[in-house]
Amino acid sequence: MIKFNVFGRTMSVLKINNEWQLFNEPDIGIRSRVYDVVIPAELSEEELLIYLDDIYHELATEKRPSVIRQ
């Protein structure tokens, strides 16, 4: 499992059956799958950060300008 800080939101990505799956990781509660974002299976781990930054760029703020791997 790879965790990211996506503009202040903790998310994780896991490869299951050759498919990347994206999850919300709340501070309190249970991890939930994000079904409305499909990550291409051919992306490498290194490319995930750029992909998430592209998908969620509208959440960027001056305080949180980019996605960070945790």
Protein backbone atom coordinates (compact mmCIF):
# COMPACT_ATOMS: atom_id res chain seq x y z
CA MET A 1 0.00 0.00 0.00
CA ILE A 2 1.29 3.44 -0.95
CA LYS A 3 0.02 6.46 1.00
CA PHE A 4 -0.22 10.00 -0.32
CA ASN A 5 -1.18 13.37 1.08
CA VAL A 6 -3.45 14.62 -1.70
CA PHE A 7 -3.72 18.34 -0.97
CA GLY A 8 -4.43 17.66 2.72
CA ARG A 9 -6.44 14.46 2.23
CA THR A 10 -4.80 11.13 3.09
CA MET A 11 -5.30 8.57 0.34
CA SER A 12 -3.76 5.20 -0.45
CA VAL A 13 -3.22 3.19 -3.60
CA LEU A 14 -3.00 -0.58 -3.69
CA LYS A 15 -2.45 -2.91 -6.66
CA ILE A 16 -4.90 -5.82 -6.58
CA ASN A 17 -5.15 -8.32 -9.46
CA ASN A 18 -3.02 -6.07 -11.68
CA GLU A 19 -5.37 -3.13 -11.03
CA TRP A 20 -4.59 0.03 -9.08
CA GLN A 21 -7.27 0.80 -6.48
CA LEU A 22 -7.60 4.18 -4.75
CA PHE A 23 -8.83 4.60 -1.17
CA ASN A 24 -9.68 7.47 1.18
CA GLU A 25 -7.85 7.06 4.49
CA PRO A 26 -9.74 9.12 7.10
CA ASP A 27 -8.11 9.94 10.44
CA ILE A 28 -11.07 8.35 12.18
CA GLY A 29 -13.07 5.60 10.54
CA ILE A 30 -12.72 2.93 7.95
CA ARG A 31 -10.82 3.17 4.67
CA SER A 32 -13.21 3.56 1.72
CA ARG A 33 -12.61 2.82 -1.94
CA VAL A 34 -12.81 5.65 -4.46
CA TYR A 35 -14.68 4.23 -7.46
CA ASP A 36 -14.95 7.38 -9.58
CA VAL A 37 -11.19 7.60 -10.21
CA VAL A 38 -9.69 4.89 -12.42
CA ILE A 39 -5.91 4.62 -12.35
CA PRO A 40 -4.44 3.05 -15.50
CA ALA A 41 -2.90 -0.33 -14.68
CA GLU A 42 0.22 0.43 -16.72
CA LEU A 43 1.27 3.32 -14.45
CA SER A 44 4.34 2.65 -12.31
CA GLU A 45 4.50 3.48 -8.60
CA GLU A 46 6.59 6.55 -9.48
CA GLU A 47 3.89 7.83 -11.85
CA LEU A 48 1.07 7.60 -9.29
CA LEU A 49 2.00 10.87 -7.59
CA ILE A 50 1.86 12.80 -10.87
CA TYR A 51 -1.42 11.13 -11.83
CA LEU A 52 -3.09 11.96 -8.50
CA ASP A 53 -1.80 15.53 -8.75
CA ASP A 54 -3.37 15.83 -12.22
CA ILE A 55 -6.70 14.33 -11.14
CA TYR A 56 -7.10 16.34 -7.92
CA HIS A 57 -5.34 19.60 -8.91
CA GLU A 58 -8.50 21.64 -8.19
CA LEU A 59 -7.96 20.90 -4.46
CA ALA A 60 -4.56 22.63 -4.48
CA THR A 61 -4.11 25.60 -2.17
CA GLU A 62 -1.28 27.95 -1.40
CA LYS A 63 -0.63 25.96 1.78
CA ARG A 64 -0.87 22.56 -0.02
CA PRO A 65 0.30 23.07 -3.62
CA SER A 66 1.07 19.46 -4.53
CA VAL A 67 0.58 15.77 -3.77
CA ILE A 68 3.18 14.27 -1.43
CA ARG A 69 4.06 10.61 -0.90
CA GLN A 70 3.91 9.70 2.79
